Protein backbone atom coordinates (compact mmCIF):
# COMPACT_ATOMS: atom_id res chain seq x y z
CA MET A 1 -26.36 107.09 134.12
CA THR A 2 -24.84 104.16 132.40
CA ASP A 3 -26.35 100.94 131.18
CA SER A 4 -25.24 97.78 132.92
CA GLY A 5 -24.26 94.60 131.09
CA ALA A 6 -25.91 91.28 131.26
CA GLY A 7 -23.88 90.36 134.29
CA GLY A 8 -25.24 93.27 136.25
CA SER A 9 -21.93 95.18 136.43
CA GLY A 10 -22.19 98.93 136.44
CA ASP A 11 -18.65 99.61 135.23
CA ASN A 12 -18.41 101.57 132.01
CA LYS A 13 -16.14 99.75 129.50
CA ASP A 14 -14.97 101.22 126.24
CA THR A 15 -15.19 98.80 123.32
CA GLU A 16 -13.43 98.82 119.94
CA PRO A 17 -14.56 97.19 116.72
CA LEU A 18 -12.96 93.80 116.08
CA GLU A 19 -10.60 93.45 113.13
CA PRO A 20 -10.17 90.26 111.11
CA PRO A 21 -7.03 88.31 112.07
CA SER A 22 -4.05 88.80 109.85
CA PRO A 23 -2.98 85.75 107.84
CA ARG A 24 -0.17 83.77 109.40
CA ALA A 25 3.10 83.81 107.56
CA PRO A 26 4.10 80.41 106.21
CA SER A 27 6.63 78.61 108.36
CA ASP A 28 7.96 75.16 108.89
CA SER A 29 6.28 74.81 112.26
CA PRO A 30 2.76 73.28 112.35
CA ALA A 31 -0.25 75.48 112.76
CA PRO A 32 -1.87 75.61 116.21
CA GLY A 33 -4.16 72.64 116.64
CA ALA A 34 -2.81 70.82 113.56
CA GLU A 35 -1.96 67.17 114.07
CA SER A 36 0.85 67.03 111.56
CA PRO A 37 2.79 69.40 109.32
CA THR A 38 1.96 69.87 105.70
CA ARG A 39 4.02 68.99 102.67
CA GLU A 40 3.76 70.61 99.29
CA PHE A 41 4.47 68.93 95.99
CA SER A 42 6.82 70.75 93.67
CA PHE A 43 6.08 70.78 89.96
CA PRO A 44 8.64 70.89 87.20
CA PRO A 45 9.51 74.33 85.81
CA GLY A 46 7.07 75.52 83.17
CA THR A 47 4.19 73.40 84.48
CA ALA A 48 1.03 75.40 84.96
CA GLY A 49 -1.00 75.19 88.16
CA SER A 50 -0.04 74.37 91.68
CA ALA A 51 -0.66 71.32 93.80
CA PRO A 52 -2.60 71.57 97.08
CA ALA A 53 -0.80 70.88 100.31
CA THR A 54 -1.31 67.38 101.66
CA ALA A 55 -1.17 66.34 105.27
CA ALA A 56 1.80 64.17 106.11
CA SER A 57 -0.44 61.67 107.88
CA ASP A 58 -2.27 61.09 104.59
CA ILE A 59 0.83 59.89 102.75
CA ASP A 60 2.86 58.32 105.54
CA GLY A 61 1.55 54.86 104.64
CA VAL A 62 2.28 55.24 100.95
CA ARG A 63 5.51 53.70 99.67
CA PHE A 64 6.96 55.26 96.53
CA ASP A 65 8.86 52.88 94.31
CA ASP A 66 11.99 54.55 93.01
CA GLY A 67 12.46 51.90 90.37
CA LEU A 68 8.99 52.54 89.01
CA THR A 69 9.55 56.29 88.89
CA ALA A 70 12.94 55.85 87.29
CA GLY A 71 11.36 53.73 84.60
CA LEU A 72 9.47 56.74 83.25
CA GLY A 73 12.55 57.96 81.47
CA GLY A 74 13.47 54.50 80.23
CA GLY A 75 10.43 53.94 78.06
CA LEU A 76 8.33 52.09 80.65
CA LEU A 77 4.98 53.43 81.76
CA GLY A 78 5.10 54.16 85.46
CA GLY A 79 2.21 52.75 87.42
CA VAL A 80 1.02 50.49 84.60
CA ARG A 81 1.25 46.74 85.01
CA ALA A 82 2.97 45.13 82.07
CA PRO A 83 0.89 42.33 80.53
CA SER A 84 2.24 38.91 81.33
CA VAL A 85 3.68 36.99 78.42
CA PRO A 86 1.70 33.77 77.87
CA ASP A 87 3.60 30.53 78.17
CA VAL A 88 4.49 29.05 74.82
CA PRO A 89 5.70 25.53 74.10
CA SER A 90 9.37 24.94 73.51
CA PRO A 91 10.56 23.77 70.07
CA ILE A 92 11.00 20.29 71.54
CA SER A 93 7.31 19.91 72.38
CA ALA A 94 5.68 22.29 69.87
CA ARG A 95 5.97 19.79 67.03
CA TYR A 96 3.71 17.33 68.89
CA LEU A 97 0.84 19.78 69.52
CA PHE A 98 -2.02 20.33 67.09
CA PRO A 99 -3.45 23.82 66.55
CA THR A 100 -6.83 23.27 68.21
CA GLU A 101 -5.54 22.32 71.67
CA LYS A 102 -4.45 24.80 74.31
CA TYR A 103 -1.00 24.51 75.78
CA ARG A 104 -0.88 24.58 79.60
CA GLY A 105 2.74 23.88 80.42
CA GLU A 106 5.67 21.50 80.26
CA TRP A 107 8.08 20.23 82.89
CA ARG A 108 11.42 18.45 83.01
CA ARG A 109 12.07 15.87 85.66
CA HIS A 110 13.60 17.00 88.93
CA TRP A 111 17.38 17.19 89.07
CA VAL A 112 17.38 14.30 91.55
CA HIS A 113 16.63 12.10 88.52
CA LEU A 114 20.31 12.56 87.56
CA MET A 115 21.70 11.86 91.03
CA PRO A 116 22.83 8.25 90.24
CA TRP A 117 24.76 9.44 87.18
CA TYR A 118 26.36 12.27 89.15
CA LEU A 119 27.59 9.66 91.63
CA VAL A 120 28.88 7.45 88.80
CA GLY A 121 30.85 10.33 87.28
CA THR A 122 32.28 11.37 90.66
CA LEU A 123 33.27 7.82 91.58
CA ALA A 124 34.84 7.21 88.16
CA THR A 125 36.90 10.39 88.51
CA PHE A 126 38.12 9.37 91.96
CA ILE A 127 39.06 5.87 90.82
CA MET A 128 40.81 7.19 87.69
CA GLY A 129 42.91 9.61 89.73
CA LEU A 130 43.83 6.95 92.27
CA ALA A 131 44.70 4.33 89.61
CA SER A 132 46.71 6.80 87.51
CA GLY A 133 48.74 7.85 90.54
CA MET A 134 49.50 4.27 91.51
CA LEU A 135 50.47 3.29 87.94
CA THR A 136 52.74 6.32 87.56
CA LYS A 137 54.70 5.46 90.71
CA SER A 138 55.01 1.76 89.88
CA ASP A 139 57.84 0.12 87.96
CA TYR A 140 55.49 -1.66 85.61
CA GLU A 141 56.90 -1.78 82.07
CA SER A 142 53.62 -1.00 80.29
CA ARG A 143 52.48 1.60 82.80
CA GLY A 144 52.12 4.20 80.04
CA THR A 145 49.65 1.99 78.19
CA ALA A 146 47.78 1.23 81.40
CA VAL A 147 47.44 4.93 82.23
CA THR A 148 46.18 5.60 78.71
CA VAL A 149 43.57 2.86 78.98
CA THR A 150 42.48 4.15 82.38
CA VAL A 151 41.99 7.67 81.04
CA LEU A 152 40.07 6.38 78.01
CA VAL A 153 37.73 4.35 80.22
CA TRP A 154 37.20 7.43 82.42
CA LEU A 155 36.38 9.57 79.37
CA LEU A 156 33.97 6.92 78.12
CA ILE A 157 32.15 6.92 81.45
CA LEU A 158 31.99 10.72 81.49
CA GLY A 159 30.62 10.68 77.93
CA PHE A 160 27.88 8.27 79.00
CA VAL A 161 27.02 10.52 81.96
CA GLY A 162 26.86 13.52 79.63
CA TRP A 163 24.52 11.58 77.35
CA LYS A 164 22.20 10.91 80.30
CA ILE A 165 22.20 14.62 81.14
CA LEU A 166 21.27 15.47 77.56
CA ASP A 167 18.53 12.84 77.63
CA TRP A 168 17.18 14.42 80.84
CA TYR A 169 17.18 17.82 79.20
CA MET A 170 15.22 16.59 76.17
CA ASP A 171 12.55 14.79 78.23
CA ARG A 172 9.28 16.71 78.67
CA PHE A 173 6.05 16.14 80.55
CA ILE A 174 3.40 18.20 78.73
CA LEU A 175 -0.11 19.21 79.78
CA THR A 176 -2.76 20.61 77.42
CA ASN A 177 -6.51 21.06 77.74
CA LYS A 178 -7.06 17.70 76.00
CA ARG A 179 -4.23 15.34 76.98
CA ILE A 180 -1.00 14.71 78.81
CA MET A 181 2.17 13.62 77.04
CA LEU A 182 5.59 12.30 77.97
CA ILE A 183 8.41 12.83 75.46
CA GLN A 184 11.62 10.86 75.92
CA GLY A 185 14.79 10.17 73.98
CA VAL A 186 17.42 12.08 72.01
CA ILE A 187 17.99 10.04 68.85
CA THR A 188 15.29 7.43 69.35
CA ARG A 189 12.23 9.46 70.35
CA SER A 190 9.33 8.03 72.35
CA VAL A 191 6.06 9.97 72.72
CA ALA A 192 3.43 8.63 75.14
CA MET A 193 -0.01 10.25 75.28
CA MET A 194 -3.19 9.89 77.34
CA PRO A 195 -6.44 11.87 76.86
CA LEU A 196 -7.64 13.65 79.99
CA GLY A 197 -11.13 12.25 79.42
CA ARG A 198 -9.84 8.69 79.93
CA VAL A 199 -8.13 9.36 83.26
CA THR A 200 -10.12 7.57 85.95
CA ASP A 201 -7.76 8.01 88.89
CA MET A 202 -4.64 10.01 89.57
CA LYS A 203 -2.42 10.43 92.58
CA TYR A 204 1.14 11.33 93.46
CA ALA A 205 3.46 9.88 96.07
CA GLN A 206 6.36 11.55 97.87
CA THR A 207 9.12 9.94 99.85
CA PRO A 208 10.70 11.84 102.77
CA MET A 209 13.48 12.93 100.40
CA GLY A 210 10.87 13.96 97.84
CA ARG A 211 9.11 16.14 100.40
CA MET A 212 12.37 17.85 101.29
CA LEU A 213 13.41 18.43 97.66
CA ASN A 214 9.86 18.99 96.32
CA TYR A 215 9.42 16.18 93.79
CA GLY A 216 7.12 13.19 93.51
CA GLU A 217 5.93 10.25 91.42
CA PHE A 218 2.63 10.50 89.56
CA ILE A 219 0.47 7.38 89.24
CA ILE A 220 -2.24 7.72 86.60
CA GLU A 221 -4.99 5.17 85.99
CA SER A 222 -7.14 5.09 82.87
CA ALA A 223 -9.96 3.03 81.43
CA GLY A 224 -7.58 1.04 79.21
CA GLN A 225 -5.67 -2.05 80.28
CA ASP A 226 -2.24 -0.97 79.05
CA GLN A 227 -1.33 2.57 80.13
CA ALA A 228 1.69 4.27 78.63
CA LEU A 229 1.75 6.92 81.37
CA ARG A 230 0.96 4.93 84.48
CA ASN A 231 4.10 5.86 86.46
CA VAL A 232 5.95 9.12 85.92
CA PRO A 233 8.64 9.56 88.59
CA HIS A 234 10.61 12.62 89.69
CA LEU A 235 8.21 15.36 88.58
CA PRO A 236 8.89 18.74 90.24
CA ASN A 237 6.31 20.68 92.30
CA PRO A 238 3.91 17.72 92.50
CA ASN A 239 1.23 19.47 94.55
CA GLU A 240 0.88 22.42 92.16
CA LEU A 241 0.99 20.11 89.14
CA TYR A 242 -1.63 17.81 90.68
CA LEU A 243 -4.02 20.72 91.32
CA GLN A 244 -3.47 22.09 87.82
CA MET A 245 -4.24 18.73 86.22
CA CYS A 246 -7.36 18.23 88.37
CA GLU A 247 -8.62 21.70 87.48
CA GLU A 248 -8.02 21.00 83.81
CA MET A 249 -10.02 17.78 84.03
CA TYR A 250 -12.95 18.96 86.15
CA GLU A 251 -13.10 22.77 85.68
CA PRO A 252 -11.83 23.55 82.17
CA GLU A 253 -14.20 26.53 81.85
CA ALA A 254 -12.63 28.19 84.88
CA VAL A 255 -9.16 27.76 83.39
CA ASP A 256 -10.24 29.29 80.07
CA GLU A 257 -11.91 32.19 81.85
CA ARG A 258 -8.82 32.90 83.93
CA GLU A 259 -6.56 32.74 80.90
CA ALA A 260 -8.83 35.17 79.03
CA GLU A 261 -8.89 37.82 81.78
CA PRO A 262 -7.18 41.02 80.58
CA GLU A 263 -4.58 42.73 82.68
CA GLU A 264 -5.98 45.71 84.61
CA ASP A 265 -4.16 49.02 84.38
CA LEU A 266 -3.38 50.81 87.60
CA ILE A 267 -3.87 54.19 85.87
CA PRO A 268 -7.23 54.85 84.14
CA GLU A 269 -7.18 55.49 80.42
CA GLY A 270 -6.89 59.15 79.45
CA GLU A 271 -5.12 60.11 82.68
CA PRO A 272 -1.44 61.04 82.24
CA ALA A 273 1.19 59.16 84.17
CA PRO A 274 2.67 60.97 87.19
CA LYS A 275 5.95 62.79 86.67
CA PRO A 276 8.83 62.63 89.11
CA ALA A 277 9.41 65.67 91.28
CA ASP A 278 13.06 66.06 90.23
CA ALA A 279 12.32 65.99 86.48
């Protein structure tokens, strides 16, 4: 007589003890039921330990910067943000700043400020070439002298245009935490200054050309009757400069706090920087 199973069947079935499954040999194909294959990180020779396998779906969204990894051998710390170098005044404007004020920036006028002198130089060159050609072909007895005078006048005009370019390069509009300044002149220097505390109204205006080329004219009102910095034309990036000046006047603590924030490292202290796989 045989015992029947739970299903009521009277058939006699021989059973064998179950054995644990044998481990699957490693292969490139994914394991049954796995969503994605696995990738293993290789370590440089002589490095102790092994890295665990990581699913490909976990690192598919990660972009590795080859330039950052290559910088490990060039003396740069990979993964660490280099601290930004603070802006420092140029030698042209540094002589007019006193030690207790904080420098915020300086700007030259937009290149459109030189557009009239570019046109003068171009027109003078065209006229000189045309006049020299006509004098050379003519039978005028003193044509050699006339050509020489024409060339000298052309060189004089070009020298004046070059002087205007140098004057543009030396001009500076300076902003500190206490005042704004406008420095002008090459040989004869003019320095205009206005304290930020005396500014009662400030605005900037942009023409259609100014909006296309990103420059504007600043109009600054103060409590005094005679303002040295009432109109400052052709300043670049007027919107950013306007916001920076307003923040300096009304929220100086926020500016100081932002300037004092240290740069955060992407790698915690005490943790070694990652090494490239092909090292």
